[in-house]
Amino acid sequence: MNSELATNSGTGAVVGVLLMVAVLLGSGGCCPSECQCYWDSESNLKSVSCDNSSLRSIPLFIPCDTEKLTLTHNNIQSISPDDFRGIQQLKIIDISNNLISQMDRKTFAGMDYLTSLYLTDNLLEYLPSGAFEGMRASAVWVILNRNPWTCNCVLQENADVLRAIETNLNYTGFACDAPGQYRNMSADSLAVDLCARDQWKRIAVILSVIGVTIVIVIVVVVVVCLLRRTKKENEQRSIPPVSGRKRGNYHNGSSSVVNNIASRGSDSIAPVSMQDQNQGSVC
């Protein structure tokens, strides 16, 4: 009798453990210690709330059947595909009021059921190309307002990509924060072609660099010429000039030589008398 009771109690304990394991597996696993896991009666979704938990990254071991994930008012700085691996059944993601400044490509790839994505009040200045690539949901609301978007060619290209390729996305709050002339203007509705402006800016910079290079070359050539000229003048100045006395002696000496030659010539030539002339004549 006692053995039967012990056997039955042991069997009951085993069954209880198996039931607990089944419940845990059915619910997708344990709830992270920083979060609260519950059934949201308003949205009728299995929810995990990790708000106001001073998180620097998305916690691990979020139940795989979670449908609503909120991570507001934390210190999360970046998000990547690894943060959402294994929880592709999410329908609502709220990561607003964080410090997110970087988002990798294909961050939300494989989320076929996502309907709302909140990225408000972060530090996003641009969206990387393909940030929403691989998201196959029929319609997704992406809320991007109150981010310091820098309206440049990159951001406009991202907006063009969102319009042209990812037509299932409805994004709001894509407003410029910089530069000043575009502040509070919708980034996807700017009449100005920012890419053309950036291209002209690049051309202007290139021309400026070329102009500065030419000026530097001219200055170097002028300096080299001046140095060579100065060196040549210094060499000429270093040659000692011939003194006036030496020049005078030379001229006096030369004139005396000429006079001597002239006098010697006149002495050697004997005068011819009239008698010699008569003797030398035939007639």
C-alpha atoms as a PDB file:
ATOM      1  CA  MET A   1       0.000   0.000   0.000  1.00  0.00           C
ATOM      2  CA  ASN A   2       2.700   2.410   0.996  1.00  0.00           C
ATOM      3  CA  SER A   3       4.731   1.464  -2.050  1.00  0.00           C
ATOM      4  CA  GLU A   4       1.777   2.170  -4.289  1.00  0.00           C
ATOM      5  CA  LEU A   5       1.303   5.590  -2.683  1.00  0.00           C
ATOM      6  CA  ALA A   6       4.979   6.356  -3.139  1.00  0.00           C
ATOM      7  CA  THR A   7       4.797   5.275  -6.746  1.00  0.00           C
ATOM      8  CA  ASN A   8       1.726   7.404  -7.368  1.00  0.00           C
ATOM      9  CA  SER A   9       3.277  10.439  -5.666  1.00  0.00           C
ATOM     10  CA  GLY A  10       6.457  10.021  -7.699  1.00  0.00           C
ATOM     11  CA  THR A  11       4.465   9.744 -10.877  1.00  0.00           C
ATOM     12  CA  GLY A  12       2.493  12.862  -9.939  1.00  0.00           C
ATOM     13  CA  ALA A  13       5.687  14.819  -9.335  1.00  0.00           C
ATOM     14  CA  VAL A  14       7.056  13.778 -12.702  1.00  0.00           C
ATOM     15  CA  VAL A  15       3.816  14.741 -14.392  1.00  0.00           C
ATOM     16  CA  GLY A  16       3.895  18.114 -12.631  1.00  0.00           C
ATOM     17  CA  VAL A  17       7.409  18.807 -13.796  1.00  0.00           C
ATOM     18  CA  LEU A  18       6.486  17.833 -17.337  1.00  0.00           C
ATOM     19  CA  LEU A  19       3.471  20.136 -17.194  1.00  0.00           C
ATOM     20  CA  MET A  20       5.658  23.009 -16.007  1.00  0.00           C
ATOM     21  CA  VAL A  21       8.136  22.352 -18.834  1.00  0.00           C
ATOM     22  CA  ALA A  22       5.267  22.224 -21.296  1.00  0.00           C
ATOM     23  CA  VAL A  23       3.919  25.512 -19.999  1.00  0.00           C
ATOM     24  CA  LEU A  24       7.332  27.131 -20.250  1.00  0.00           C
ATOM     25  CA  LEU A  25       7.859  25.806 -23.742  1.00  0.00           C
ATOM     26  CA  GLY A  26       4.394  26.864 -24.754  1.00  0.00           C
ATOM     27  CA  SER A  27       4.955  30.357 -23.450  1.00  0.00           C
ATOM     28  CA  GLY A  28       8.295  30.626 -25.248  1.00  0.00           C
ATOM     29  CA  GLY A  29      10.550  30.398 -22.207  1.00  0.00           C
ATOM     30  CA  CYS A  30      11.210  32.339 -19.039  1.00  0.00           C
ATOM     31  CA  CYS A  31      10.692  36.066 -18.738  1.00  0.00           C
ATOM     32  CA  PRO A  32      13.857  38.202 -18.484  1.00  0.00           C
ATOM     33  CA  SER A  33      14.482  39.528 -15.002  1.00  0.00           C
ATOM     34  CA  GLU A  34      14.420  43.147 -16.229  1.00  0.00           C
ATOM     35  CA  CYS A  35      11.022  42.747 -17.853  1.00  0.00           C
ATOM     36  CA  GLN A  36       7.410  41.877 -17.095  1.00  0.00           C
ATOM     37  CA  CYS A  37       5.638  39.273 -19.172  1.00  0.00           C
ATOM     38  CA  TYR A  38       1.836  39.394 -19.236  1.00  0.00           C
ATOM     39  CA  TRP A  39      -1.258  39.226 -21.371  1.00  0.00           C
ATOM     40  CA  ASP A  40      -2.298  42.652 -22.612  1.00  0.00           C
ATOM     41  CA  SER A  41      -6.073  42.666 -22.429  1.00  0.00           C
ATOM     42  CA  GLU A  42      -6.357  45.905 -24.419  1.00  0.00           C
ATOM     43  CA  SER A  43      -4.483  44.662 -27.466  1.00  0.00           C
ATOM     44  CA  ASN A  44      -5.097  40.945 -26.820  1.00  0.00           C
ATOM     45  CA  LEU A  45      -1.406  40.292 -27.309  1.00  0.00           C
ATOM     46  CA  LYS A  46       1.242  38.416 -25.370  1.00  0.00           C
ATOM     47  CA  SER A  47       3.364  41.278 -24.119  1.00  0.00           C
ATOM     48  CA  VAL A  48       6.806  41.822 -22.650  1.00  0.00           C
ATOM     49  CA  SER A  49       7.469  45.196 -21.055  1.00  0.00           C
ATOM     50  CA  CYS A  50      11.069  46.221 -20.320  1.00  0.00           C
ATOM     51  CA  ASP A  51      10.419  49.940 -19.825  1.00  0.00           C
ATOM     52  CA  ASN A  52      12.493  52.122 -17.480  1.00  0.00           C
ATOM     53  CA  SER A  53      15.024  49.378 -16.782  1.00  0.00           C
ATOM     54  CA  SER A  54      18.263  51.252 -17.619  1.00  0.00           C
ATOM     55  CA  LEU A  55      18.946  48.744 -20.381  1.00  0.00           C
ATOM     56  CA  ARG A  56      21.868  49.305 -22.736  1.00  0.00           C
ATOM     57  CA  SER A  57      20.795  46.537 -25.094  1.00  0.00           C
ATOM     58  CA  ILE A  58      17.769  44.393 -25.786  1.00  0.00           C
ATOM     59  CA  PRO A  59      17.682  41.600 -23.184  1.00  0.00           C
ATOM     60  CA  LEU A  60      18.145  37.947 -24.023  1.00  0.00           C
ATOM     61  CA  PHE A  61      15.673  35.094 -23.564  1.00  0.00           C
ATOM     62  CA  ILE A  62      12.571  37.023 -24.537  1.00  0.00           C
ATOM     63  CA  PRO A  63       9.790  34.423 -25.044  1.00  0.00           C
ATOM     64  CA  CYS A  64       9.629  33.426 -28.683  1.00  0.00           C
ATOM     65  CA  ASP A  65       5.843  33.831 -28.850  1.00  0.00           C
ATOM     66  CA  THR A  66       5.950  37.463 -27.708  1.00  0.00           C
ATOM     67  CA  GLU A  67       3.691  39.657 -29.809  1.00  0.00           C
ATOM     68  CA  LYS A  68       4.254  43.050 -28.199  1.00  0.00           C
ATOM     69  CA  LEU A  69       7.638  44.270 -26.974  1.00  0.00           C
ATOM     70  CA  THR A  70       8.142  47.627 -25.309  1.00  0.00           C
ATOM     71  CA  LEU A  71      11.600  48.931 -24.395  1.00  0.00           C
ATOM     72  CA  THR A  72      10.906  52.616 -23.797  1.00  0.00           C
ATOM     73  CA  HIS A  73      12.959  54.996 -21.628  1.00  0.00           C
ATOM     74  CA  ASN A  74      16.191  52.996 -21.621  1.00  0.00           C
ATOM     75  CA  ASN A  75      19.772  53.619 -22.753  1.00  0.00           C
ATOM     76  CA  ILE A  76      19.830  51.423 -25.859  1.00  0.00           C
ATOM     77  CA  GLN A  77      22.254  52.896 -28.410  1.00  0.00           C
ATOM     78  CA  SER A  78      21.999  50.530 -31.381  1.00  0.00           C
ATOM     79  CA  ILE A  79      19.856  47.709 -32.737  1.00  0.00           C
ATOM     80  CA  SER A  80      20.742  44.854 -35.077  1.00  0.00           C
ATOM     81  CA  PRO A  81      19.143  41.686 -36.482  1.00  0.00           C
ATOM     82  CA  ASP A  82      20.654  39.637 -33.650  1.00  0.00           C
ATOM     83  CA  ASP A  83      18.537  41.531 -31.113  1.00  0.00           C
ATOM     84  CA  PHE A  84      15.297  40.147 -32.574  1.00  0.00           C
ATOM     85  CA  ARG A  85      16.408  36.688 -33.585  1.00  0.00           C
ATOM     86  CA  GLY A  86      13.930  34.044 -32.443  1.00  0.00           C
ATOM     87  CA  ILE A  87      11.062  36.482 -31.749  1.00  0.00           C
ATOM     88  CA  GLN A  88       9.710  36.960 -35.292  1.00  0.00           C
ATOM     89  CA  GLN A  89       6.095  36.798 -34.150  1.00  0.00           C
ATOM     90  CA  LEU A  90       6.231  40.381 -32.927  1.00  0.00           C
ATOM     91  CA  LYS A  91       3.395  42.639 -34.023  1.00  0.00           C
ATOM     92  CA  ILE A  92       4.281  45.776 -32.053  1.00  0.00           C
ATOM     93  CA  ILE A  93       7.777  47.025 -31.184  1.00  0.00           C
ATOM     94  CA  ASP A  94       8.196  50.201 -29.189  1.00  0.00           C
ATOM     95  CA  ILE A  95      11.810  51.345 -28.723  1.00  0.00           C
ATOM     96  CA  SER A  96      11.067  55.024 -28.287  1.00  0.00           C
ATOM     97  CA  ASN A  97      12.859  57.330 -25.830  1.00  0.00           C
ATOM     98  CA  ASN A  98      16.254  55.664 -26.078  1.00  0.00           C
ATOM     99  CA  LEU A  99      19.698  56.685 -27.348  1.00  0.00           C
ATOM    100  CA  ILE A 100      19.585  54.786 -30.627  1.00  0.00           C
ATOM    101  CA  SER A 101      21.888  56.353 -33.201  1.00  0.00           C
ATOM    102  CA  GLN A 102      22.705  53.276 -35.281  1.00  0.00           C
ATOM    103  CA  MET A 103      20.514  50.695 -36.958  1.00  0.00           C
ATOM    104  CA  ASP A 104      21.950  47.870 -39.049  1.00  0.00           C
ATOM    105  CA  ARG A 105      20.680  46.541 -42.343  1.00  0.00           C
ATOM    106  CA  LYS A 106      17.924  43.928 -42.201  1.00  0.00           C
ATOM    107  CA  THR A 107      17.319  44.691 -38.536  1.00  0.00           C
ATOM    108  CA  PHE A 108      13.682  43.574 -38.785  1.00  0.00           C
ATOM    109  CA  ALA A 109      14.094  40.873 -41.416  1.00  0.00           C
ATOM    110  CA  GLY A 110      11.757  37.911 -41.085  1.00  0.00           C
ATOM    111  CA  MET A 111       9.073  39.770 -39.122  1.00  0.00           C
ATOM    112  CA  ASP A 112       6.017  38.819 -41.145  1.00  0.00           C
ATOM    113  CA  TYR A 113       3.468  39.972 -38.575  1.00  0.00           C
ATOM    114  CA  LEU A 114       4.832  43.379 -37.579  1.00  0.00           C
ATOM    115  CA  THR A 115       2.234  46.169 -37.775  1.00  0.00           C
ATOM    116  CA  SER A 116       3.744  49.026 -35.720  1.00  0.00           C
ATOM    117  CA  LEU A 117       7.323  50.111 -35.101  1.00  0.00           C
ATOM    118  CA  TYR A 118       7.997  53.081 -32.805  1.00  0.00           C
ATOM    119  CA  LEU A 119      11.435  54.715 -33.072  1.00  0.00           C
ATOM    120  CA  THR A 120      10.510  58.156 -31.762  1.00  0.00           C
ATOM    121  CA  ASP A 121      12.710  60.290 -29.493  1.00  0.00           C
ATOM    122  CA  ASN A 122      16.024  58.704 -30.346  1.00  0.00           C
ATOM    123  CA  LEU A 123      19.272  60.005 -31.861  1.00  0.00           C
ATOM    124  CA  LEU A 124      18.849  58.750 -35.411  1.00  0.00           C
ATOM    125  CA  GLU A 125      20.360  61.087 -38.005  1.00  0.00           C
ATOM    126  CA  TYR A 126      20.016  58.786 -40.994  1.00  0.00           C
ATOM    127  CA  LEU A 127      18.663  55.400 -42.000  1.00  0.00           C
ATOM    128  CA  PRO A 128      21.042  52.870 -43.498  1.00  0.00           C
ATOM    129  CA  SER A 129      20.153  51.492 -46.891  1.00  0.00           C
ATOM    130  CA  GLY A 130      18.134  48.300 -46.446  1.00  0.00           C
ATOM    131  CA  ALA A 131      17.228  48.990 -42.821  1.00  0.00           C
ATOM    132  CA  PHE A 132      13.790  47.466 -43.405  1.00  0.00           C
ATOM    133  CA  GLU A 133      14.876  44.920 -45.968  1.00  0.00           C
ATOM    134  CA  GLY A 134      13.425  41.460 -45.467  1.00  0.00           C
ATOM    135  CA  MET A 135      10.320  42.685 -43.672  1.00  0.00           C
ATOM    136  CA  ARG A 136       7.457  40.910 -45.407  1.00  0.00           C
ATOM    137  CA  ALA A 137       4.517  42.242 -43.414  1.00  0.00           C
ATOM    138  CA  SER A 138       1.556  43.482 -45.445  1.00  0.00           C
ATOM    139  CA  ALA A 139       1.478  46.926 -43.824  1.00  0.00           C
ATOM    140  CA  VAL A 140       3.722  48.443 -41.184  1.00  0.00           C
ATOM    141  CA  TRP A 141       3.498  51.837 -39.518  1.00  0.00           C
ATOM    142  CA  VAL A 142       6.976  53.175 -38.796  1.00  0.00           C
ATOM    143  CA  ILE A 143       6.964  56.216 -36.504  1.00  0.00           C
ATOM    144  CA  LEU A 144      10.207  58.183 -36.808  1.00  0.00           C
ATOM    145  CA  ASN A 145       9.403  61.618 -35.447  1.00  0.00           C
ATOM    146  CA  ARG A 146      11.532  63.594 -32.976  1.00  0.00           C
ATOM    147  CA  ASN A 147      14.858  62.314 -34.251  1.00  0.00           C
ATOM    148  CA  PRO A 148      17.679  64.712 -35.275  1.00  0.00           C
ATOM    149  CA  TRP A 149      17.482  63.814 -38.964  1.00  0.00           C
ATOM    150  CA  THR A 150      20.182  65.447 -41.081  1.00  0.00           C
ATOM    151  CA  CYS A 151      18.630  66.221 -44.443  1.00  0.00           C
ATOM    152  CA  ASN A 152      21.320  65.424 -46.967  1.00  0.00           C
ATOM    153  CA  CYS A 153      21.668  63.278 -50.043  1.00  0.00           C
ATOM    154  CA  VAL A 154      21.911  60.068 -47.996  1.00  0.00           C
ATOM    155  CA  LEU A 155      18.655  60.716 -46.159  1.00  0.00           C
ATOM    156  CA  GLN A 156      16.842  61.690 -49.333  1.00  0.00           C
ATOM    157  CA  GLU A 157      18.055  58.527 -51.026  1.00  0.00           C
ATOM    158  CA  ASN A 158      16.737  56.536 -48.067  1.00  0.00           C
ATOM    159  CA  ALA A 159      13.374  58.244 -48.396  1.00  0.00           C
ATOM    160  CA  ASP A 160      13.369  57.466 -52.129  1.00  0.00           C
ATOM    161  CA  VAL A 161      14.157  53.830 -51.358  1.00  0.00           C
ATOM    162  CA  LEU A 162      11.312  53.673 -48.848  1.00  0.00           C
ATOM    163  CA  ARG A 163       8.911  55.116 -51.402  1.00  0.00           C
ATOM    164  CA  ALA A 164      10.064  53.082 -54.369  1.00  0.00           C
ATOM    165  CA  ILE A 165      10.846  49.669 -52.911  1.00  0.00           C
ATOM    166  CA  GLU A 166       9.341  49.214 -49.484  1.00  0.00           C
ATOM    167  CA  THR A 167       5.809  50.321 -50.399  1.00  0.00           C
ATOM    168  CA  ASN A 168       4.362  48.350 -47.510  1.00  0.00           C
ATOM    169  CA  LEU A 169       5.860  50.864 -45.056  1.00  0.00           C
ATOM    170  CA  ASN A 170       3.939  53.911 -43.913  1.00  0.00           C
ATOM    171  CA  TYR A 171       6.378  56.124 -42.100  1.00  0.00           C
ATOM    172  CA  THR A 172       5.605  59.367 -40.310  1.00  0.00           C
ATOM    173  CA  GLY A 173       7.643  62.064 -38.624  1.00  0.00           C
ATOM    174  CA  PHE A 174      10.513  62.019 -41.112  1.00  0.00           C
ATOM    175  CA  ALA A 175      11.263  65.708 -40.399  1.00  0.00           C
ATOM    176  CA  CYS A 176      14.594  67.460 -40.845  1.00  0.00           C
ATOM    177  CA  ASP A 177      16.539  68.807 -37.903  1.00  0.00           C
ATOM    178  CA  ALA A 178      19.548  70.086 -39.877  1.00  0.00           C
ATOM    179  CA  PRO A 179      20.643  72.086 -41.775  1.00  0.00           C
ATOM    180  CA  GLY A 180      18.799  75.077 -40.423  1.00  0.00           C
ATOM    181  CA  GLN A 181      16.988  76.060 -43.629  1.00  0.00           C
ATOM    182  CA  TYR A 182      15.240  72.675 -43.750  1.00  0.00           C
ATOM    183  CA  ARG A 183      14.422  72.313 -40.066  1.00  0.00           C
ATOM    184  CA  ASN A 184      10.957  70.854 -39.340  1.00  0.00           C
ATOM    185  CA  MET A 185      10.416  70.141 -43.036  1.00  0.00           C
ATOM    186  CA  SER A 186       9.351  66.656 -44.060  1.00  0.00           C
ATOM    187  CA  ALA A 187      12.418  64.870 -45.396  1.00  0.00           C
ATOM    188  CA  ASP A 188      10.487  62.854 -47.963  1.00  0.00           C
ATOM    189  CA  SER A 189       8.680  65.871 -49.414  1.00  0.00           C
ATOM    190  CA  LEU A 190      11.581  68.297 -49.909  1.00  0.00           C
ATOM    191  CA  ALA A 191      11.300  70.072 -53.246  1.00  0.00           C
ATOM    192  CA  VAL A 192      15.071  70.571 -53.281  1.00  0.00           C
ATOM    193  CA  ASP A 193      17.226  67.887 -54.839  1.00  0.00           C
ATOM    194  CA  LEU A 194      19.700  67.461 -52.007  1.00  0.00           C
ATOM    195  CA  CYS A 195      21.775  64.969 -53.974  1.00  0.00           C
ATOM    196  CA  ALA A 196      22.278  67.520 -56.772  1.00  0.00           C
ATOM    197  CA  ARG A 197      23.234  70.163 -54.203  1.00  0.00           C
ATOM    198  CA  ASP A 198      25.707  67.794 -52.597  1.00  0.00           C
ATOM    199  CA  GLN A 199      27.141  66.974 -56.020  1.00  0.00           C
ATOM    200  CA  TRP A 200      27.713  70.656 -56.799  1.00  0.00           C
ATOM    201  CA  LYS A 201      29.266  71.067 -53.361  1.00  0.00           C
ATOM    202  CA  ARG A 202      31.667  68.228 -54.104  1.00  0.00           C
ATOM    203  CA  ILE A 203      32.541  69.799 -57.474  1.00  0.00           C
ATOM    204  CA  ALA A 204      33.147  73.153 -55.776  1.00  0.00           C
ATOM    205  CA  VAL A 205      35.404  71.500 -53.210  1.00  0.00           C
ATOM    206  CA  ILE A 206      37.373  69.723 -55.945  1.00  0.00           C
ATOM    207  CA  LEU A 207      37.795  72.974 -57.897  1.00  0.00           C
ATOM    208  CA  SER A 208      38.892  74.756 -54.735  1.00  0.00           C
ATOM    209  CA  VAL A 209      41.508  72.088 -54.058  1.00  0.00           C
ATOM    210  CA  ILE A 210      42.768  72.338 -57.642  1.00  0.00           C
ATOM    211  CA  GLY A 211      42.931  76.154 -57.390  1.00  0.00           C
ATOM    212  CA  VAL A 212      44.835  76.027 -54.109  1.00  0.00           C
ATOM    213  CA  THR A 213      47.255  73.479 -55.579  1.00  0.00           C
ATOM    214  CA  ILE A 214      47.933  75.692 -58.596  1.00  0.00           C
ATOM    215  CA  VAL A 215      48.569  78.713 -56.361  1.00  0.00           C
ATOM    216  CA  ILE A 216      50.980  76.694 -54.219  1.00  0.00           C
ATOM    217  CA  VAL A 217      52.874  75.503 -57.315  1.00  0.00           C
ATOM    218  CA  ILE A 218      53.160  79.078 -58.620  1.00  0.00           C
ATOM    219  CA  VAL A 219      54.411  80.333 -55.270  1.00  0.00           C
ATOM    220  CA  VAL A 220      57.016  77.549 -55.109  1.00  0.00           C
ATOM    221  CA  VAL A 221      58.250  78.326 -58.640  1.00  0.00           C
ATOM    222  CA  VAL A 222      58.538  82.043 -57.866  1.00  0.00           C
ATOM    223  CA  VAL A 223      60.428  81.363 -54.644  1.00  0.00           C
ATOM    224  CA  VAL A 224      62.859  79.020 -56.413  1.00  0.00           C
ATOM    225  CA  CYS A 225      63.503  81.606 -59.136  1.00  0.00           C
ATOM    226  CA  LEU A 226      64.144  84.339 -56.569  1.00  0.00           C
ATOM    227  CA  LEU A 227      66.530  82.102 -54.652  1.00  0.00           C
ATOM    228  CA  ARG A 228      68.484  81.273 -57.802  1.00  0.00           C
ATOM    229  CA  ARG A 229      68.669  84.948 -58.787  1.00  0.00           C
ATOM    230  CA  THR A 230      69.834  85.963 -55.325  1.00  0.00           C
ATOM    231  CA  LYS A 231      72.488  83.244 -55.376  1.00  0.00           C
ATOM    232  CA  LYS A 232      73.760  84.411 -58.752  1.00  0.00           C
ATOM    233  CA  GLU A 233      73.960  88.031 -57.594  1.00  0.00           C
ATOM    234  CA  ASN A 234      75.856  86.994 -54.487  1.00  0.00           C
ATOM    235  CA  GLU A 235      78.364  85.042 -56.590  1.00  0.00           C
ATOM    236  CA  GLN A 236      78.960  88.063 -58.830  1.00  0.00           C
ATOM    237  CA  ARG A 237      79.488  90.303 -55.830  1.00  0.00           C
ATOM    238  CA  SER A 238      82.044  87.904 -54.368  1.00  0.00           C
ATOM    239  CA  ILE A 239      84.452  88.442 -57.410  1.00  0.00           C
ATOM    240  CA  PRO A 240      87.025  91.247 -56.474  1.00  0.00           C
ATOM    241  CA  PRO A 241      86.929  94.217 -58.921  1.00  0.00           C
ATOM    242  CA  VAL A 242      90.123  95.426 -60.774  1.00  0.00           C
ATOM    243  CA  SER A 243      91.579  98.637 -59.157  1.00  0.00           C
ATOM    244  CA  GLY A 244      92.034 101.938 -61.061  1.00  0.00           C
ATOM    245  CA  ARG A 245      95.833 102.043 -60.443  1.00  0.00           C
ATOM    246  CA  LYS A 246      96.363  98.714 -62.072  1.00  0.00           C
ATOM    247  CA  ARG A 247      94.259  99.764 -64.989  1.00  0.00           C
ATOM    248  CA  GLY A 248      96.289 103.046 -65.352  1.00  0.00           C
ATOM    249  CA  ASN A 249      99.624 101.231 -65.156  1.00  0.00           C
ATOM    250  CA  TYR A 250      98.458  98.848 -67.811  1.00  0.00           C
ATOM    251  CA  HIS A 251      97.516 101.649 -70.166  1.00  0.00           C
ATOM    252  CA  ASN A 252     100.737 103.603 -69.411  1.00  0.00           C
ATOM    253  CA  GLY A 253     102.837 100.517 -69.961  1.00  0.00           C
ATOM    254  CA  SER A 254     101.185  99.731 -73.207  1.00  0.00           C
ATOM    255  CA  SER A 255     101.618 103.266 -74.516  1.00  0.00           C
ATOM    256  CA  SER A 256     105.357 103.270 -73.579  1.00  0.00           C
ATOM    257  CA  VAL A 257     105.793  99.995 -75.394  1.00  0.00           C
ATOM    258  CA  VAL A 258     104.189 101.456 -78.481  1.00  0.00           C
ATOM    259  CA  ASN A 259     106.381 104.568 -78.264  1.00  0.00           C
ATOM    260  CA  ASN A 260     109.523 102.455 -77.921  1.00  0.00           C
ATOM    261  CA  ILE A 261     108.586 100.410 -80.932  1.00  0.00           C
ATOM    262  CA  ALA A 262     107.858 103.553 -82.895  1.00  0.00           C
ATOM    263  CA  SER A 263     111.171 105.170 -81.902  1.00  0.00           C
ATOM    264  CA  ARG A 264     113.100 102.025 -82.717  1.00  0.00           C
ATOM    265  CA  GLY A 265     111.448 101.858 -86.043  1.00  0.00           C
ATOM    266  CA  SER A 266     112.300 105.440 -86.862  1.00  0.00           C
ATOM    267  CA  ASP A 267     115.952 104.927 -85.846  1.00  0.00           C
ATOM    268  CA  SER A 268     116.449 101.828 -87.955  1.00  0.00           C
ATOM    269  CA  ILE A 269     115.141 103.481 -91.066  1.00  0.00           C
ATOM    270  CA  ALA A 270     118.107 105.602 -92.503  1.00  0.00           C
ATOM    271  CA  PRO A 271     117.320 108.655 -94.545  1.00  0.00           C
ATOM    272  CA  VAL A 272     118.036 108.395 -98.252  1.00  0.00           C
ATOM    273  CA  SER A 273     120.141 111.271 -99.615  1.00  0.00           C
ATOM    274  CA  MET A 274     119.712 112.911-102.948  1.00  0.00           C
ATOM    275  CA  GLN A 275     123.115 111.531-104.092  1.00  0.00           C
ATOM    276  CA  ASP A 276     122.043 107.961-103.395  1.00  0.00           C
ATOM    277  CA  GLN A 277     118.942 108.627-105.344  1.00  0.00           C
ATOM    278  CA  ASN A 278     120.943 109.935-108.284  1.00  0.00           C
ATOM    279  CA  GLN A 279     123.315 106.967-108.210  1.00  0.00           C
ATOM    280  CA  GLY A 280     120.516 104.546-108.167  1.00  0.00           C
ATOM    281  CA  SER A 281     118.871 106.038-111.195  1.00  0.00           C
ATOM    282  CA  VAL A 282     119.552 104.683-114.696  1.00  0.00           C
ATOM    283  CA  CYS A 283     119.021 107.791-116.736  1.00  0.00           C
END
